[in-house]
Amino acid sequence: MHERSYTVHVTIAGNLASVARHEWILGRLTDQGTVTIHDAAAALDVSEMTIRRDLLELEANGMLRRTRGGAVALGPTGFADRDRRGARAKARVATKLLPLVPETGAIALDASSTMLRLARALEGARDLTVLTNGLETFHALSGKPGIRAILTGGEIDPRTGSLVGPVAVRAAGTFLLTTAFVSAAAVHPALGPSEAALEDAEIKQVFAGCAAAVVLAADHSKLDRRSLTVGLQWSDVSTFVTDLDPDDARLDSYRAQVAVS
């Protein structure tokens, strides 16, 4: 997996353009997990008010969480919290995903709340194997006619509820999949999908590597944002499904990268 660094390797002197300041702030968060307004203003030779505006903008783009006197890096969000957010948009995404699910063969569903909604809605399968690293998704599929649900195993990430780690990765890599259905913590037209946890990114990459096709699903709140670690590359993705109309102008910058549905 390619690693990217957001640290600015220059001597800090004088006022920097906002982009360079943002890169410095994100680099500090990557390295230390936290940054203070006072330290950032001193290092970048700008006013504390300028740094406050920078933090407001970065928070609005989903890149950090502001705290009293500074900011902290975004970490993975618990499953229950993710499941409550954007419920209507996620339901719309799941509805659009349903026609893409084959009646037979093998597919993977990641541990996202969007894929849980898809699992709940799945009907009419004839001989479909569904591999997942999500406990809730596995339970939603178990007992459905025509579906054989398989759990990857592995260790539970208490932050996200996902099954991750070497056991999960090894199990995920043993299947030849028709389609892998995955979500992402954030999606950016240039940077691609990104994740809040390295472990989640790893298993999604394995799913994608075993699949003939990859469907990326994300609601509009995740667009034009980036999270903490690189996920899939756009070249890995066959179709990008959102809750928006495919002709929505907010998807214009993505059409050059991937088929949008």
Protein backbone atom coordinates (compact mmCIF):
# COMPACT_ATOMS: atom_id res chain seq x y z
CA MET A 1 0.00 0.00 0.00
CA HIS A 2 1.31 3.44 -0.89
CA GLU A 3 1.97 5.70 2.05
CA ARG A 4 1.37 9.41 1.87
CA SER A 5 2.75 12.05 4.17
CA TYR A 6 1.11 15.40 4.77
CA THR A 7 4.14 16.94 6.52
CA VAL A 8 5.50 20.05 4.83
CA HIS A 9 9.27 19.67 4.50
CA VAL A 10 10.18 23.37 4.33
CA THR A 11 11.53 25.95 6.71
CA ILE A 12 8.57 27.73 8.26
CA ALA A 13 9.06 31.44 7.84
CA GLY A 14 6.53 34.18 7.12
CA ASN A 15 2.92 33.75 6.18
CA LEU A 16 2.17 30.55 4.26
CA ALA A 17 -0.66 30.05 1.83
CA SER A 18 -3.67 28.36 3.36
CA VAL A 19 -3.01 25.08 1.54
CA ALA A 20 0.48 24.85 2.99
CA ARG A 21 -0.83 25.69 6.46
CA HIS A 22 -3.44 22.97 6.15
CA GLU A 23 -0.78 20.46 5.12
CA TRP A 24 1.33 21.40 8.13
CA ILE A 25 -1.64 21.04 10.51
CA LEU A 26 -2.60 17.65 9.05
CA GLY A 27 1.02 16.52 9.25
CA ARG A 28 1.19 17.43 12.93
CA LEU A 29 -2.04 15.53 13.57
CA THR A 30 -0.68 12.50 11.70
CA ASP A 31 2.52 12.55 13.74
CA GLN A 32 1.20 13.52 17.18
CA GLY A 33 -2.57 13.14 17.09
CA THR A 34 -3.15 16.68 18.37
CA VAL A 35 -2.23 20.29 17.63
CA THR A 36 -2.73 23.50 19.60
CA ILE A 37 -3.67 26.85 18.12
CA HIS A 38 -0.79 28.50 19.97
CA ASP A 39 1.87 26.08 18.66
CA ALA A 40 0.54 26.18 15.10
CA ALA A 41 0.43 29.98 15.05
CA ALA A 42 4.01 30.19 16.36
CA ALA A 43 5.37 27.57 13.93
CA LEU A 44 3.61 29.04 10.91
CA ASP A 45 4.16 32.70 11.87
CA VAL A 46 0.51 33.64 11.58
CA SER A 47 -2.13 34.90 13.99
CA GLU A 48 -4.12 32.56 16.20
CA MET A 49 -7.26 33.84 14.47
CA THR A 50 -5.87 32.56 11.17
CA ILE A 51 -5.29 29.13 12.67
CA ARG A 52 -8.81 29.10 14.12
CA ARG A 53 -10.18 29.74 10.62
CA ASP A 54 -7.98 26.96 9.25
CA LEU A 55 -9.27 24.52 11.85
CA LEU A 56 -12.87 25.50 11.12
CA GLU A 57 -12.35 24.82 7.42
CA LEU A 58 -10.57 21.51 8.00
CA GLU A 59 -13.28 20.37 10.41
CA ALA A 60 -15.97 21.27 7.86
CA ASN A 61 -14.15 19.04 5.37
CA GLY A 62 -14.10 16.15 7.83
CA MET A 63 -10.33 16.18 8.38
CA LEU A 64 -10.14 16.84 12.14
CA ARG A 65 -12.17 17.58 15.24
CA ARG A 66 -11.72 20.90 16.97
CA THR A 67 -11.15 21.00 20.71
CA ARG A 68 -10.70 23.81 23.20
CA GLY A 69 -7.45 25.45 22.15
CA GLY A 70 -6.70 23.22 19.16
CA ALA A 71 -7.75 20.06 17.36
CA VAL A 72 -7.34 16.28 17.43
CA ALA A 73 -7.06 13.74 14.63
CA LEU A 74 -10.22 11.97 13.59
CA GLY A 75 -10.38 8.36 14.65
CA PRO A 76 -12.74 5.54 13.76
CA THR A 77 -16.38 6.04 14.74
CA GLY A 78 -18.33 3.36 16.58
CA PHE A 79 -20.78 1.33 14.51
CA ALA A 80 -23.88 2.51 16.37
CA ASP A 81 -22.96 6.15 15.77
CA ARG A 82 -22.27 5.50 12.07
CA ASP A 83 -25.52 3.57 11.71
CA ARG A 84 -27.55 6.53 12.99
CA ARG A 85 -25.95 9.09 10.70
CA GLY A 86 -27.50 9.76 7.33
CA ALA A 87 -29.97 6.89 7.61
CA ARG A 88 -32.17 8.10 4.75
CA ALA A 89 -29.23 8.62 2.39
CA LYS A 90 -27.77 5.20 3.24
CA ALA A 91 -31.12 3.56 2.62
CA ARG A 92 -31.20 5.21 -0.81
CA VAL A 93 -27.71 3.88 -1.54
CA ALA A 94 -28.72 0.36 -0.48
CA THR A 95 -31.74 0.49 -2.78
CA LYS A 96 -29.50 1.41 -5.72
CA LEU A 97 -27.09 -1.41 -4.84
CA LEU A 98 -29.71 -4.16 -4.86
CA PRO A 99 -29.85 -4.61 -8.69
CA LEU A 100 -26.05 -5.04 -8.72
CA VAL A 101 -26.14 -8.10 -6.46
CA PRO A 102 -26.08 -11.37 -8.43
CA GLU A 103 -28.42 -14.25 -7.64
CA THR A 104 -25.54 -16.74 -7.64
CA GLY A 105 -21.79 -16.72 -7.08
CA ALA A 106 -19.81 -15.12 -4.28
CA ILE A 107 -19.72 -11.53 -3.11
CA ALA A 108 -18.21 -9.62 -0.20
CA LEU A 109 -19.87 -6.99 1.95
CA ASP A 110 -17.68 -4.91 4.23
CA ALA A 111 -18.60 -4.04 7.82
CA SER A 112 -20.09 -0.65 7.00
CA SER A 113 -23.56 0.47 8.08
CA THR A 114 -24.44 0.98 4.40
CA MET A 115 -23.73 -2.68 3.64
CA LEU A 116 -25.78 -3.72 6.67
CA ARG A 117 -28.75 -1.99 5.05
CA LEU A 118 -28.04 -3.84 1.82
CA ALA A 119 -27.85 -7.15 3.68
CA ARG A 120 -31.20 -6.53 5.34
CA ALA A 121 -32.82 -5.81 1.97
CA LEU A 122 -31.36 -8.77 0.05
CA GLU A 123 -34.01 -11.13 -1.26
CA GLY A 124 -34.37 -13.54 -4.16
CA ALA A 125 -30.90 -15.08 -4.15
CA ARG A 126 -30.67 -18.64 -5.51
CA ASP A 127 -27.18 -19.78 -4.54
CA LEU A 128 -25.27 -16.75 -3.28
CA THR A 129 -22.29 -16.89 -0.94
CA VAL A 130 -21.77 -13.66 0.99
CA LEU A 131 -18.47 -13.09 2.80
CA THR A 132 -18.39 -10.30 5.37
CA ASN A 133 -16.23 -8.96 8.18
CA GLY A 134 -19.25 -7.33 9.85
CA LEU A 135 -20.98 -9.15 12.70
CA GLU A 136 -24.23 -7.23 12.25
CA THR A 137 -24.19 -7.91 8.52
CA PHE A 138 -23.54 -11.62 9.10
CA HIS A 139 -26.51 -11.85 11.48
CA ALA A 140 -28.75 -9.96 9.03
CA LEU A 141 -27.90 -12.48 6.28
CA SER A 142 -28.05 -15.66 8.34
CA GLY A 143 -31.08 -17.77 7.54
CA LYS A 144 -32.05 -15.90 4.38
CA PRO A 145 -33.17 -18.32 1.64
CA GLY A 146 -30.59 -18.84 -1.09
CA ILE A 147 -27.82 -17.12 0.85
CA ARG A 148 -24.84 -18.72 2.55
CA ALA A 149 -23.34 -16.16 4.92
CA ILE A 150 -19.69 -16.56 5.89
CA LEU A 151 -17.90 -14.51 8.53
CA THR A 152 -14.21 -13.84 8.01
CA GLY A 153 -13.31 -14.32 11.63
CA GLY A 154 -10.54 -12.26 13.14
CA GLU A 155 -10.41 -9.85 16.04
CA ILE A 156 -13.06 -7.22 16.72
CA ASP A 157 -11.88 -3.64 16.47
CA PRO A 158 -13.68 -2.15 19.49
CA ARG A 159 -13.68 1.25 17.80
CA THR A 160 -15.66 0.16 14.75
CA GLY A 161 -17.10 -3.28 15.41
CA SER A 162 -15.34 -4.63 12.31
CA LEU A 163 -13.50 -7.95 12.25
CA VAL A 164 -9.94 -7.17 11.27
CA GLY A 165 -6.39 -8.43 11.65
CA PRO A 166 -4.35 -11.21 10.04
CA VAL A 167 -6.99 -13.93 10.49
CA ALA A 168 -9.66 -11.81 8.82
CA VAL A 169 -7.31 -10.81 6.02
CA ARG A 170 -6.22 -14.41 5.42
CA ALA A 171 -9.82 -15.63 5.26
CA ALA A 172 -10.88 -12.80 2.97
CA GLY A 173 -8.09 -13.62 0.56
CA THR A 174 -9.16 -17.22 0.01
CA PHE A 175 -12.32 -16.41 -1.98
CA LEU A 176 -12.73 -15.62 -5.66
CA LEU A 177 -15.49 -13.05 -5.67
CA THR A 178 -17.86 -11.91 -8.35
CA THR A 179 -18.24 -8.50 -6.72
CA ALA A 180 -16.92 -6.76 -3.62
CA PHE A 181 -19.27 -4.16 -2.15
CA VAL A 182 -17.43 -1.68 0.05
CA SER A 183 -17.98 1.74 1.55
CA ALA A 184 -15.43 4.32 2.73
CA ALA A 185 -14.99 6.85 5.50
CA ALA A 186 -14.38 9.59 2.93
CA VAL A 187 -14.17 9.94 -0.84
CA HIS A 188 -12.11 12.47 -2.80
CA PRO A 189 -11.98 12.88 -6.60
CA ALA A 190 -8.17 13.05 -6.66
CA LEU A 191 -7.19 11.00 -3.61
CA GLY A 192 -9.84 8.29 -3.93
CA PRO A 193 -11.54 6.52 -1.02
CA SER A 194 -9.90 6.74 2.39
CA GLU A 195 -10.47 5.13 5.77
CA ALA A 196 -10.34 6.12 9.43
CA ALA A 197 -8.44 2.95 10.39
CA LEU A 198 -5.56 1.18 8.66
CA GLU A 199 -7.07 -2.21 9.53
CA ASP A 200 -10.31 -1.40 7.70
CA ALA A 201 -8.40 -0.23 4.65
CA GLU A 202 -6.39 -3.44 4.62
CA ILE A 203 -9.34 -5.83 4.51
CA LYS A 204 -11.15 -3.77 1.88
CA GLN A 205 -8.05 -3.91 -0.28
CA VAL A 206 -8.02 -7.71 0.06
CA PHE A 207 -11.71 -7.91 -0.87
CA ALA A 208 -11.03 -5.77 -3.93
CA GLY A 209 -8.03 -7.84 -4.96
CA CYS A 210 -10.12 -11.03 -5.00
CA ALA A 211 -13.08 -9.58 -6.91
CA ALA A 212 -13.87 -9.38 -10.60
CA ALA A 213 -15.70 -6.10 -9.90
CA VAL A 214 -15.69 -3.61 -7.03
CA VAL A 215 -18.66 -1.42 -6.15
CA LEU A 216 -17.87 1.56 -3.93
CA ALA A 217 -20.86 3.01 -2.08
CA ALA A 218 -20.95 6.28 -0.16
CA ASP A 219 -23.58 8.87 0.63
CA HIS A 220 -23.10 12.51 -0.34
CA SER A 221 -21.82 13.56 3.11
CA LYS A 222 -18.55 11.72 2.39
CA LEU A 223 -17.84 13.45 -0.91
CA ASP A 224 -14.82 15.74 -1.39
CA ARG A 225 -13.30 14.67 1.91
CA ARG A 226 -10.37 12.60 3.08
CA SER A 227 -9.83 10.54 6.17
CA LEU A 228 -6.65 9.21 7.79
CA THR A 229 -5.38 6.38 5.61
CA VAL A 230 -5.42 5.45 1.93
CA GLY A 231 -8.14 2.99 0.99
CA LEU A 232 -8.72 1.75 -2.55
CA GLN A 233 -7.45 3.43 -5.69
CA TRP A 234 -9.94 4.64 -8.28
CA SER A 235 -8.44 2.09 -10.66
CA ASP A 236 -9.71 -0.63 -8.29
CA VAL A 237 -13.31 0.58 -8.46
CA SER A 238 -15.75 -0.51 -11.18
CA THR A 239 -18.78 1.53 -10.11
CA PHE A 240 -19.33 4.35 -7.63
CA VAL A 241 -22.84 4.43 -6.14
CA THR A 242 -24.19 7.36 -4.11
CA ASP A 243 -27.58 8.55 -2.95
CA LEU A 244 -27.44 11.37 -5.51
CA ASP A 245 -28.84 11.37 -9.01
CA PRO A 246 -26.03 10.24 -11.35
CA ASP A 247 -26.28 13.57 -13.20
CA ASP A 248 -25.91 15.65 -10.03
CA ALA A 249 -23.27 18.35 -10.44
CA ARG A 250 -21.64 17.28 -7.17
CA LEU A 251 -20.46 14.15 -8.98
CA ASP A 252 -18.91 15.97 -11.94
CA SER A 253 -15.36 15.69 -10.63
CA TYR A 254 -15.74 11.91 -10.13
CA ARG A 255 -16.90 10.95 -13.63
CA ALA A 256 -13.41 11.15 -15.08
CA GLN A 257 -12.25 8.64 -12.48
CA VAL A 258 -15.02 6.04 -12.36
CA ALA A 259 -18.47 5.05 -13.62
CA VAL A 260 -21.02 6.82 -11.42
CA SER A 261 -24.43 5.42 -10.58
